[in-house]
């Protein structure tokens, strides 16, 4: 699992998405508010939806 704040994610978008897709990483994006989001590959998402 890798983590980044919103600014890091925005400036490194391609790098982070390549990591998620090519290395099956999970990316946690943290915001100043304490809320955040998780990015997973489409392949992982589809696998989760099948179960």
PDB file of N, CA and C in Angstrom:
ATOM      1  N   UNK A   1       0.851  -1.175   0.000  1.00  0.00           N
ATOM      2  CA  UNK A   1       0.000   0.000   0.000  1.00  0.00           C
ATOM      3  C   UNK A   1       0.893   1.233   0.000  1.00  0.00           C
ATOM      4  N   UNK A   2       0.518   2.207  -0.799  1.00  0.00           N
ATOM      5  CA  UNK A   2       1.232   3.475  -0.823  1.00  0.00           C
ATOM      6  C   UNK A   2       0.256   4.581  -0.443  1.00  0.00           C
ATOM      7  N   UNK A   3       0.794   5.646   0.104  1.00  0.00           N
ATOM      8  CA  UNK A   3      -0.043   6.761   0.539  1.00  0.00           C
ATOM      9  C   UNK A   3       0.541   8.064   0.027  1.00  0.00           C
ATOM     10  N   UNK A   4      -0.341   9.007  -0.227  1.00  0.00           N
ATOM     11  CA  UNK A   4       0.080  10.324  -0.692  1.00  0.00           C
ATOM     12  C   UNK A   4      -0.947  11.344  -0.242  1.00  0.00           C
ATOM     13  N   UNK A   5      -0.492  12.568  -0.029  1.00  0.00           N
ATOM     14  CA  UNK A   5      -1.472  13.615   0.215  1.00  0.00           C
ATOM     15  C   UNK A   5      -1.985  14.096  -1.141  1.00  0.00           C
ATOM     16  N   UNK A   6      -3.002  14.945  -1.115  1.00  0.00           N
ATOM     17  CA  UNK A   6      -3.645  15.360  -2.357  1.00  0.00           C
ATOM     18  C   UNK A   6      -2.678  16.068  -3.303  1.00  0.00           C
ATOM     19  N   UNK A   7      -1.824  16.920  -2.764  1.00  0.00           N
ATOM     20  CA  UNK A   7      -0.867  17.651  -3.602  1.00  0.00           C
ATOM     21  C   UNK A   7       0.104  16.693  -4.275  1.00  0.00           C
ATOM     22  N   UNK A   8       0.625  15.724  -3.522  1.00  0.00           N
ATOM     23  CA  UNK A   8       1.533  14.732  -4.098  1.00  0.00           C
ATOM     24  C   UNK A   8       0.837  13.930  -5.197  1.00  0.00           C
ATOM     25  N   UNK A   9      -0.407  13.558  -4.933  1.00  0.00           N
ATOM     26  CA  UNK A   9      -1.165  12.793  -5.916  1.00  0.00           C
ATOM     27  C   UNK A   9      -1.371  13.597  -7.195  1.00  0.00           C
ATOM     28  N   UNK A  10      -1.754  14.835  -7.038  1.00  0.00           N
ATOM     29  CA  UNK A  10      -2.017  15.690  -8.201  1.00  0.00           C
ATOM     30  C   UNK A  10      -0.765  15.873  -9.051  1.00  0.00           C
ATOM     31  N   UNK A  11       0.369  16.130  -8.409  1.00  0.00           N
ATOM     32  CA  UNK A  11       1.594  16.374  -9.178  1.00  0.00           C
ATOM     33  C   UNK A  11       2.211  15.088  -9.722  1.00  0.00           C
ATOM     34  N   UNK A  12       1.933  13.955  -9.096  1.00  0.00           N
ATOM     35  CA  UNK A  12       2.507  12.685  -9.542  1.00  0.00           C
ATOM     36  C   UNK A  12       1.470  11.717 -10.071  1.00  0.00           C
ATOM     37  N   UNK A  13       0.384  12.237 -10.619  1.00  0.00           N
ATOM     38  CA  UNK A  13      -0.750  11.414 -11.030  1.00  0.00           C
ATOM     39  C   UNK A  13      -0.342  10.220 -11.895  1.00  0.00           C
ATOM     40  N   UNK A  14       0.406  10.452 -12.951  1.00  0.00           N
ATOM     41  CA  UNK A  14       0.801   9.359 -13.844  1.00  0.00           C
ATOM     42  C   UNK A  14       1.619   8.311 -13.103  1.00  0.00           C
ATOM     43  N   UNK A  15       2.574   8.756 -12.311  1.00  0.00           N
ATOM     44  CA  UNK A  15       3.429   7.832 -11.560  1.00  0.00           C
ATOM     45  C   UNK A  15       2.591   6.968 -10.620  1.00  0.00           C
ATOM     46  N   UNK A  16       1.677   7.590  -9.887  1.00  0.00           N
ATOM     47  CA  UNK A  16       0.853   6.846  -8.939  1.00  0.00           C
ATOM     48  C   UNK A  16      -0.073   5.863  -9.649  1.00  0.00           C
ATOM     49  N   UNK A  17      -0.702   6.296 -10.739  1.00  0.00           N
ATOM     50  CA  UNK A  17      -1.600   5.395 -11.455  1.00  0.00           C
ATOM     51  C   UNK A  17      -0.840   4.244 -12.096  1.00  0.00           C
ATOM     52  N   UNK A  18       0.369   4.497 -12.568  1.00  0.00           N
ATOM     53  CA  UNK A  18       1.202   3.412 -13.095  1.00  0.00           C
ATOM     54  C   UNK A  18       1.521   2.396 -12.001  1.00  0.00           C
ATOM     55  N   UNK A  19       1.846   2.874 -10.799  1.00  0.00           N
ATOM     56  CA  UNK A  19       2.131   1.978  -9.666  1.00  0.00           C
ATOM     57  C   UNK A  19       0.920   1.112  -9.346  1.00  0.00           C
ATOM     58  N   UNK A  20      -0.247   1.734  -9.297  1.00  0.00           N
ATOM     59  CA  UNK A  20      -1.479   1.011  -8.973  1.00  0.00           C
ATOM     60  C   UNK A  20      -1.757  -0.054 -10.028  1.00  0.00           C
ATOM     61  N   UNK A  21      -1.654   0.331 -11.279  1.00  0.00           N
ATOM     62  CA  UNK A  21      -1.989  -0.589 -12.365  1.00  0.00           C
ATOM     63  C   UNK A  21      -0.933  -1.671 -12.569  1.00  0.00           C
ATOM     64  N   UNK A  22       0.323  -1.297 -12.632  1.00  0.00           N
ATOM     65  CA  UNK A  22       1.384  -2.251 -12.982  1.00  0.00           C
ATOM     66  C   UNK A  22       1.835  -3.127 -11.828  1.00  0.00           C
ATOM     67  N   UNK A  23       1.754  -2.626 -10.603  1.00  0.00           N
ATOM     68  CA  UNK A  23       2.269  -3.359  -9.440  1.00  0.00           C
ATOM     69  C   UNK A  23       1.173  -3.795  -8.476  1.00  0.00           C
ATOM     70  N   UNK A  24      -0.075  -3.661  -8.892  1.00  0.00           N
ATOM     71  CA  UNK A  24      -1.222  -4.057  -8.065  1.00  0.00           C
ATOM     72  C   UNK A  24      -1.164  -3.417  -6.679  1.00  0.00           C
ATOM     73  N   UNK A  25      -0.736  -2.169  -6.645  1.00  0.00           N
ATOM     74  CA  UNK A  25      -0.674  -1.426  -5.386  1.00  0.00           C
ATOM     75  C   UNK A  25      -2.040  -0.819  -5.070  1.00  0.00           C
ATOM     76  N   UNK A  26      -2.267  -0.567  -3.806  1.00  0.00           N
ATOM     77  CA  UNK A  26      -3.417   0.202  -3.355  1.00  0.00           C
ATOM     78  C   UNK A  26      -2.887   1.559  -2.941  1.00  0.00           C
ATOM     79  N   UNK A  27      -3.542   2.610  -3.397  1.00  0.00           N
ATOM     80  CA  UNK A  27      -3.106   3.971  -3.102  1.00  0.00           C
ATOM     81  C   UNK A  27      -4.125   4.643  -2.199  1.00  0.00           C
ATOM     82  N   UNK A  28      -3.667   5.173  -1.087  1.00  0.00           N
ATOM     83  CA  UNK A  28      -4.515   5.941  -0.186  1.00  0.00           C
ATOM     84  C   UNK A  28      -4.169   7.410  -0.369  1.00  0.00           C
ATOM     85  N   UNK A  29      -5.183   8.206  -0.694  1.00  0.00           N
ATOM     86  CA  UNK A  29      -4.993   9.648  -0.865  1.00  0.00           C
ATOM     87  C   UNK A  29      -5.584  10.326   0.362  1.00  0.00           C
ATOM     88  N   UNK A  30      -4.727  11.037   1.092  1.00  0.00           N
ATOM     89  CA  UNK A  30      -5.146  11.695   2.326  1.00  0.00           C
ATOM     90  C   UNK A  30      -5.380  13.180   2.071  1.00  0.00           C
ATOM     91  N   UNK A  31      -6.428  13.717   2.702  1.00  0.00           N
ATOM     92  CA  UNK A  31      -6.731  15.137   2.569  1.00  0.00           C
ATOM     93  C   UNK A  31      -6.533  15.821   3.917  1.00  0.00           C
ATOM     94  N   UNK A  32      -6.372  17.124   3.884  1.00  0.00           N
ATOM     95  CA  UNK A  32      -6.163  17.883   5.119  1.00  0.00           C
ATOM     96  C   UNK A  32      -7.316  17.706   6.097  1.00  0.00           C
ATOM     97  N   UNK A  33      -8.510  17.521   5.577  1.00  0.00           N
ATOM     98  CA  UNK A  33      -9.699  17.375   6.416  1.00  0.00           C
ATOM     99  C   UNK A  33      -9.695  16.067   7.199  1.00  0.00           C
ATOM    100  N   UNK A  34      -8.762  15.180   6.871  1.00  0.00           N
ATOM    101  CA  UNK A  34      -8.727  13.878   7.524  1.00  0.00           C
ATOM    102  C   UNK A  34      -9.454  12.814   6.716  1.00  0.00           C
ATOM    103  N   UNK A  35     -10.249  13.263   5.758  1.00  0.00           N
ATOM    104  CA  UNK A  35     -10.938  12.327   4.882  1.00  0.00           C
ATOM    105  C   UNK A  35      -9.997  11.935   3.763  1.00  0.00           C
ATOM    106  N   UNK A  36     -10.372  10.941   3.021  1.00  0.00           N
ATOM    107  CA  UNK A  36      -9.506  10.518   1.934  1.00  0.00           C
ATOM    108  C   UNK A  36     -10.211   9.588   0.988  1.00  0.00           C
ATOM    109  N   UNK A  37      -9.436   8.976   0.129  1.00  0.00           N
ATOM    110  CA  UNK A  37      -9.957   8.048  -0.865  1.00  0.00           C
ATOM    111  C   UNK A  37      -8.929   6.954  -1.106  1.00  0.00           C
ATOM    112  N   UNK A  38      -9.403   5.867  -1.696  1.00  0.00           N
ATOM    113  CA  UNK A  38      -8.538   4.745  -2.028  1.00  0.00           C
ATOM    114  C   UNK A  38      -8.635   4.504  -3.530  1.00  0.00           C
ATOM    115  N   UNK A  39      -7.495   4.291  -4.173  1.00  0.00           N
ATOM    116  CA  UNK A  39      -7.449   3.994  -5.601  1.00  0.00           C
ATOM    117  C   UNK A  39      -6.912   2.576  -5.766  1.00  0.00           C
ATOM    118  N   UNK A  40      -7.655   1.775  -6.519  1.00  0.00           N
ATOM    119  CA  UNK A  40      -7.224   0.419  -6.856  1.00  0.00           C
ATOM    120  C   UNK A  40      -7.333   0.252  -8.369  1.00  0.00           C
ATOM    121  N   UNK A  41      -6.695  -0.766  -8.892  1.00  0.00           N
ATOM    122  CA  UNK A  41      -6.754  -1.005 -10.332  1.00  0.00           C
ATOM    123  C   UNK A  41      -8.156  -1.461 -10.730  1.00  0.00           C
ATOM    124  N   UNK A  42      -8.472  -1.283 -11.999  1.00  0.00           N
ATOM    125  CA  UNK A  42      -9.753  -1.744 -12.524  1.00  0.00           C
ATOM    126  C   UNK A  42      -9.875  -3.252 -12.373  1.00  0.00           C
ATOM    127  N   UNK A  43      -8.780  -3.957 -12.570  1.00  0.00           N
ATOM    128  CA  UNK A  43      -8.775  -5.414 -12.415  1.00  0.00           C
ATOM    129  C   UNK A  43      -9.160  -5.813 -10.986  1.00  0.00           C
ATOM    130  N   UNK A  44      -8.588  -5.136 -10.000  1.00  0.00           N
ATOM    131  CA  UNK A  44      -8.929  -5.430  -8.605  1.00  0.00           C
ATOM    132  C   UNK A  44     -10.374  -5.085  -8.305  1.00  0.00           C
ATOM    133  N   UNK A  45     -10.816  -3.950  -8.804  1.00  0.00           N
ATOM    134  CA  UNK A  45     -12.202  -3.519  -8.596  1.00  0.00           C
ATOM    135  C   UNK A  45     -13.166  -4.559  -9.165  1.00  0.00           C
ATOM    136  N   UNK A  46     -12.923  -4.995 -10.400  1.00  0.00           N
ATOM    137  CA  UNK A  46     -13.798  -5.991 -11.024  1.00  0.00           C
ATOM    138  C   UNK A  46     -13.811  -7.287 -10.233  1.00  0.00           C
ATOM    139  N   UNK A  47     -12.669  -7.673  -9.692  1.00  0.00           N
ATOM    140  CA  UNK A  47     -12.586  -8.876  -8.874  1.00  0.00           C
ATOM    141  C   UNK A  47     -13.436  -8.738  -7.613  1.00  0.00           C
ATOM    142  N   UNK A  48     -13.386  -7.583  -6.988  1.00  0.00           N
ATOM    143  CA  UNK A  48     -14.187  -7.334  -5.786  1.00  0.00           C
ATOM    144  C   UNK A  48     -15.673  -7.380  -6.120  1.00  0.00           C
ATOM    145  N   UNK A  49     -16.058  -6.800  -7.249  1.00  0.00           N
ATOM    146  CA  UNK A  49     -17.463  -6.744  -7.642  1.00  0.00           C
ATOM    147  C   UNK A  49     -18.029  -8.121  -7.974  1.00  0.00           C
ATOM    148  N   UNK A  50     -17.181  -9.048  -8.378  1.00  0.00           N
ATOM    149  CA  UNK A  50     -17.631 -10.402  -8.700  1.00  0.00           C
ATOM    150  C   UNK A  50     -18.007 -11.194  -7.462  1.00  0.00           C
ATOM    151  N   UNK A  51     -17.458 -10.846  -6.316  1.00  0.00           N
ATOM    152  CA  UNK A  51     -17.718 -11.624  -5.098  1.00  0.00           C
ATOM    153  C   UNK A  51     -18.912 -11.127  -4.351  1.00  0.00           C
TER     154      UNK A  51
END
